[in-house]
Amino acid sequence: MSKLTSVKKLTPLIGAEILDIDLRDLSEELASNILATFHENSVVFFRDQTLSRDQLKAFGRALGKLHIHPLVKVRIPEHPEIVIIESDADTERVAGEVWHSDASADSEPPLGSILYMTVVPQNGGGDTLFSSTAAAYDALSPAMKLFLDGLTAIHDGERLRGGYSIKNPDKRLIASEHPVIRTHPATKRRCIYVNRVYTSHIVGLKQAESDAILTFLYQHMEQPQFQCRFKWRPGSIAFWDNRCTLHHAVWDYHPDRRYAERVTLCGERPV
């Protein structure tokens, strides 16, 4: 199989489900077509997949170079590229319950993330929301675009301490300076690039000014008109673009169990 036979858009602005595809049978042409659909829709979804861990990594490698998360302890020694996303009755805090872009404090933040869900809450819930930061940028006024252009912000990994099992608790986590408005390297669209988890402040502004602008941008990006919502089933996969989306994992299913494994693709320095 080399061509995508069926693509169903979730909304006009963001999200598409790629139907009738087996990701264990992935040609170079098919991977290229998946990437094209991914760039058009910012996040793509697959259903009814049955992948081993090696096959999950092979799918990721067909799309880019695999990233190893700087903050998370390796839980599967033979698969350091795989991050386990799990919650159950004993969980006090879940990963991803605040709108964010993965590992944006890295100097070269991840291109995208691939989450493979195998256990869903038995009583429902556990959806993931995605928001287009490119569509959110397009909706800004010309004056606000002009104001934001050229500004940079600090993304600080220390803000996440306590949310993950840190490899080295005595070492300060990375902080990086990125443009508030970045240009997507493939689509050339302008995207807002700040998020509630990692961004500490806008460089050159007083803290009160920075807080006000960041709060406005967060609330703006999180509006429903820029969003799609994905309801997981066992065997579902989401592949999202960290450069032009935010995502939010809805934690509404406690004490039920939810289990997924994630691989992440290396990215580039935002410009």
Protein backbone atom coordinates (compact mmCIF):
# COMPACT_ATOMS: atom_id res chain seq x y z
CA MET A 1 0.00 0.00 0.00
CA SER A 2 1.49 3.38 -0.96
CA LYS A 3 -1.37 5.86 -1.21
CA LEU A 4 -3.81 7.17 1.36
CA THR A 5 -7.20 5.83 0.29
CA SER A 6 -9.32 7.78 2.75
CA VAL A 7 -8.77 10.90 4.86
CA LYS A 8 -11.55 12.28 7.07
CA LYS A 9 -11.08 15.82 8.40
CA LEU A 10 -12.18 16.39 11.99
CA THR A 11 -12.53 20.16 11.56
CA PRO A 12 -11.70 22.59 8.74
CA LEU A 13 -8.73 24.01 10.71
CA ILE A 14 -7.11 21.08 12.49
CA GLY A 15 -7.16 17.31 12.65
CA ALA A 16 -7.72 14.47 10.19
CA GLU A 17 -8.25 10.73 10.57
CA ILE A 18 -6.39 8.53 8.07
CA LEU A 19 -8.57 5.47 7.45
CA ASP A 20 -7.94 1.98 6.08
CA ILE A 21 -4.23 1.87 6.78
CA ASP A 22 -1.91 -0.66 8.47
CA LEU A 23 1.14 1.10 9.85
CA ARG A 24 3.07 -2.18 9.92
CA ASP A 25 3.12 -2.01 6.11
CA LEU A 26 4.80 1.34 5.57
CA SER A 27 6.50 2.17 2.29
CA GLU A 28 8.60 5.28 1.73
CA GLU A 29 5.86 6.72 -0.48
CA LEU A 30 3.20 6.05 2.13
CA ALA A 31 5.30 7.72 4.84
CA SER A 32 5.69 10.74 2.53
CA ASN A 33 1.91 10.89 2.01
CA ILE A 34 1.30 10.67 5.75
CA LEU A 35 3.69 13.60 6.31
CA ALA A 36 1.90 15.65 3.64
CA THR A 37 -1.47 15.02 5.34
CA PHE A 38 0.15 15.78 8.71
CA HIS A 39 1.44 19.15 7.49
CA GLU A 40 -1.96 20.02 6.05
CA ASN A 41 -3.89 19.15 9.24
CA SER A 42 -1.32 19.60 12.08
CA VAL A 43 -2.45 16.35 13.76
CA VAL A 44 -3.45 13.02 12.20
CA PHE A 45 -5.12 10.00 13.77
CA PHE A 46 -5.16 6.28 13.04
CA ARG A 47 -7.49 3.56 14.31
CA ASP A 48 -7.27 -0.21 14.84
CA GLN A 49 -3.49 -0.50 14.87
CA THR A 50 -1.60 -3.42 16.41
CA LEU A 51 2.04 -2.45 16.80
CA SER A 52 4.88 -3.98 18.76
CA ARG A 53 7.31 -1.57 20.39
CA ASP A 54 9.79 -2.15 17.58
CA GLN A 55 7.07 -1.42 15.02
CA LEU A 56 6.06 1.76 16.85
CA LYS A 57 9.66 2.94 16.70
CA ALA A 58 9.92 1.92 13.05
CA PHE A 59 6.85 4.04 12.27
CA GLY A 60 8.47 6.99 14.02
CA ARG A 61 11.77 6.50 12.21
CA ALA A 62 9.97 6.44 8.86
CA LEU A 63 8.88 10.02 9.63
CA GLY A 64 12.01 11.41 11.30
CA LYS A 65 14.76 10.88 13.85
CA LEU A 66 13.60 9.63 17.26
CA HIS A 67 14.03 11.92 20.27
CA ILE A 68 14.80 10.84 23.84
CA HIS A 69 12.95 12.94 26.41
CA PRO A 70 15.42 14.89 28.60
CA LEU A 71 13.28 14.72 31.76
CA VAL A 72 11.78 11.24 31.89
CA LYS A 73 13.40 8.14 33.38
CA VAL A 74 13.68 5.26 30.92
CA ARG A 75 11.11 2.67 32.01
CA ILE A 76 11.81 0.19 29.22
CA PRO A 77 15.63 -0.16 29.11
CA GLU A 78 15.69 -1.80 25.68
CA HIS A 79 13.46 0.98 24.29
CA PRO A 80 14.79 4.31 25.64
CA GLU A 81 12.94 6.20 22.90
CA ILE A 82 9.54 5.13 24.28
CA VAL A 83 7.83 7.20 26.98
CA ILE A 84 5.07 5.49 28.96
CA ILE A 85 1.94 7.59 29.58
CA GLU A 86 -0.06 5.81 32.29
CA SER A 87 -2.57 6.66 34.99
CA ASP A 88 -4.76 4.62 37.34
CA ALA A 89 -6.44 4.75 40.72
CA ASP A 90 -3.16 5.62 42.46
CA THR A 91 -2.26 8.50 40.14
CA GLU A 92 -2.12 11.93 41.77
CA ARG A 93 -1.14 13.92 38.67
CA VAL A 94 -1.28 13.01 34.98
CA ALA A 95 1.03 14.13 32.21
CA GLY A 96 -0.45 16.61 29.78
CA GLU A 97 -3.43 17.93 31.75
CA VAL A 98 -2.39 21.54 31.03
CA TRP A 99 -2.26 22.96 27.49
CA HIS A 100 1.32 22.64 26.23
CA SER A 101 3.77 21.78 23.47
CA ASP A 102 6.10 18.89 24.30
CA ALA A 103 9.59 19.71 25.61
CA SER A 104 9.55 23.30 24.33
CA ALA A 105 12.37 24.16 26.76
CA ASP A 106 14.80 22.16 24.60
CA SER A 107 17.10 24.23 22.42
CA GLU A 108 15.75 22.18 19.50
CA PRO A 109 12.22 21.18 20.60
CA PRO A 110 10.59 18.06 19.16
CA LEU A 111 9.02 18.17 15.71
CA GLY A 112 6.13 15.94 16.67
CA SER A 113 4.86 13.21 18.98
CA ILE A 114 3.27 9.84 18.23
CA LEU A 115 1.03 8.43 20.99
CA TYR A 116 -0.18 4.81 20.74
CA MET A 117 -3.09 4.06 23.08
CA THR A 118 -3.68 0.46 24.19
CA VAL A 119 -5.84 0.81 27.33
CA VAL A 120 -8.69 3.34 27.58
CA PRO A 121 -10.80 4.18 30.67
CA GLN A 122 -13.51 1.55 31.01
CA ASN A 123 -16.17 4.14 31.86
CA GLY A 124 -15.26 6.60 29.12
CA GLY A 125 -13.35 9.87 29.18
CA GLY A 126 -9.65 10.46 28.62
CA ASP A 127 -10.01 12.39 25.35
CA THR A 128 -7.22 14.64 24.08
CA LEU A 129 -7.78 18.18 22.76
CA PHE A 130 -5.56 19.77 20.13
CA SER A 131 -5.43 23.46 19.21
CA SER A 132 -3.95 25.06 16.09
CA THR A 133 -1.54 27.83 17.03
CA ALA A 134 -1.27 28.72 13.33
CA ALA A 135 -5.02 29.34 13.10
CA ALA A 136 -4.81 31.29 16.37
CA TYR A 137 -2.06 33.48 14.90
CA ASP A 138 -4.09 34.09 11.74
CA ALA A 139 -6.98 35.34 13.89
CA LEU A 140 -4.90 38.03 15.63
CA SER A 141 -5.30 41.66 14.64
CA PRO A 142 -2.60 43.18 12.40
CA ALA A 143 -1.54 45.45 15.27
CA MET A 144 -1.06 42.51 17.66
CA LYS A 145 0.89 40.57 15.02
CA LEU A 146 3.16 43.58 14.56
CA PHE A 147 3.69 43.90 18.33
CA LEU A 148 4.56 40.21 18.79
CA ASP A 149 6.85 39.96 15.78
CA GLY A 150 10.48 39.84 16.93
CA LEU A 151 9.71 39.15 20.60
CA THR A 152 11.28 36.13 22.30
CA ALA A 153 10.30 34.17 25.40
CA ILE A 154 12.08 31.91 27.86
CA HIS A 155 10.93 28.28 28.04
CA ASP A 156 12.19 26.80 31.32
CA GLY A 157 12.23 23.08 32.09
CA GLU A 158 12.41 23.83 35.81
CA ARG A 159 8.71 24.78 35.65
CA LEU A 160 7.96 21.09 35.04
CA ARG A 161 9.92 19.69 37.98
CA GLY A 162 7.69 17.46 40.06
CA GLY A 163 5.58 16.45 37.08
CA TYR A 164 8.05 13.81 35.92
CA SER A 165 10.59 11.43 37.40
CA ILE A 166 13.70 13.54 36.86
CA LYS A 167 16.85 11.66 35.79
CA ASN A 168 19.17 13.90 37.80
CA PRO A 169 17.33 15.89 40.50
CA ASP A 170 20.49 17.83 41.41
CA LYS A 171 20.98 19.23 37.92
CA ARG A 172 19.11 22.33 36.80
CA LEU A 173 16.86 21.59 33.85
CA ILE A 174 17.38 23.28 30.51
CA ALA A 175 15.96 26.69 29.62
CA SER A 176 15.90 28.10 26.09
CA GLU A 177 14.93 31.36 24.40
CA HIS A 178 12.54 30.99 21.45
CA PRO A 179 10.59 33.42 19.25
CA VAL A 180 7.06 34.15 20.43
CA ILE A 181 5.96 33.81 16.80
CA ARG A 182 7.77 31.08 14.87
CA THR A 183 7.62 30.11 11.20
CA HIS A 184 6.77 26.48 10.45
CA PRO A 185 9.68 25.09 8.38
CA ALA A 186 7.48 22.97 6.09
CA THR A 187 4.29 25.01 5.63
CA LYS A 188 5.83 28.48 6.20
CA ARG A 189 2.79 29.40 8.31
CA ARG A 190 3.32 31.70 11.29
CA CYS A 191 2.48 30.09 14.64
CA ILE A 192 2.24 31.33 18.23
CA TYR A 193 4.93 29.52 20.21
CA VAL A 194 4.34 29.90 23.95
CA ASN A 195 2.59 27.55 26.38
CA ARG A 196 1.44 27.41 29.99
CA VAL A 197 3.77 24.58 31.06
CA TYR A 198 7.16 25.82 29.91
CA THR A 199 7.04 29.56 29.11
CA SER A 200 8.18 31.72 32.04
CA HIS A 201 8.30 35.22 30.54
CA ILE A 202 8.71 37.36 27.44
CA VAL A 203 12.19 38.83 27.17
CA GLY A 204 12.42 42.63 27.50
CA LEU A 205 9.02 43.17 29.14
CA LYS A 206 8.30 43.86 32.78
CA GLN A 207 6.91 40.79 34.54
CA ALA A 208 3.41 42.28 34.79
CA GLU A 209 3.46 43.15 31.09
CA SER A 210 4.74 39.70 30.18
CA ASP A 211 2.14 37.97 32.35
CA ALA A 212 -0.66 39.98 30.73
CA ILE A 213 0.47 39.23 27.17
CA LEU A 214 1.07 35.54 27.88
CA THR A 215 -2.32 35.17 29.59
CA PHE A 216 -3.98 36.76 26.57
CA LEU A 217 -2.14 34.44 24.17
CA TYR A 218 -2.94 31.31 26.21
CA GLN A 219 -6.64 32.15 26.39
CA HIS A 220 -6.66 33.07 22.71
CA MET A 221 -5.05 29.79 21.57
CA GLU A 222 -7.30 27.70 23.80
CA GLN A 223 -10.56 28.92 22.22
CA PRO A 224 -12.81 26.12 20.92
CA GLN A 225 -12.82 27.36 17.31
CA PHE A 226 -9.14 26.44 16.96
CA GLN A 227 -9.57 22.96 18.46
CA CYS A 228 -10.35 19.38 17.59
CA ARG A 229 -11.10 16.61 20.10
CA PHE A 230 -10.03 12.98 19.76
CA LYS A 231 -11.83 10.12 21.48
CA TRP A 232 -9.45 7.25 22.03
CA ARG A 233 -10.09 3.56 21.44
CA PRO A 234 -7.61 0.72 22.01
CA GLY A 235 -5.26 0.65 19.03
CA SER A 236 -5.63 4.38 18.26
CA ILE A 237 -2.65 6.57 17.37
CA ALA A 238 -2.30 10.36 17.32
CA PHE A 239 0.61 12.05 15.53
CA TRP A 240 0.73 15.78 16.30
CA ASP A 241 2.97 18.66 15.29
CA ASN A 242 4.52 20.34 18.34
CA ARG A 243 5.56 23.34 16.25
CA CYS A 244 2.04 24.51 15.42
CA THR A 245 -0.27 22.89 17.99
CA LEU A 246 -0.94 22.72 21.70
CA HIS A 247 -2.56 19.68 23.31
CA HIS A 248 -4.43 18.96 26.51
CA ALA A 249 -5.11 15.50 27.97
CA VAL A 250 -8.48 15.53 29.74
CA TRP A 251 -8.24 13.81 33.13
CA ASP A 252 -11.88 12.99 33.76
CA TYR A 253 -11.66 9.21 34.26
CA HIS A 254 -10.13 8.64 37.74
CA PRO A 255 -9.88 5.92 39.08
CA ASP A 256 -9.93 4.08 35.73
CA ARG A 257 -6.70 3.05 34.03
CA ARG A 258 -5.38 4.60 30.82
CA TYR A 259 -2.15 3.38 29.18
CA ALA A 260 -0.25 4.56 26.12
CA GLU A 261 3.29 4.57 24.74
CA ARG A 262 4.84 7.53 22.92
CA VAL A 263 7.72 8.14 20.59
CA THR A 264 8.81 11.64 19.69
CA LEU A 265 10.53 13.04 16.61
CA CYS A 266 13.53 15.38 16.81
CA GLY A 267 12.97 18.93 15.66
CA GLU A 268 14.93 22.08 14.91
CA ARG A 269 15.64 25.41 16.55
CA PRO A 270 12.53 27.63 16.23
CA VAL A 271 12.90 30.65 13.95
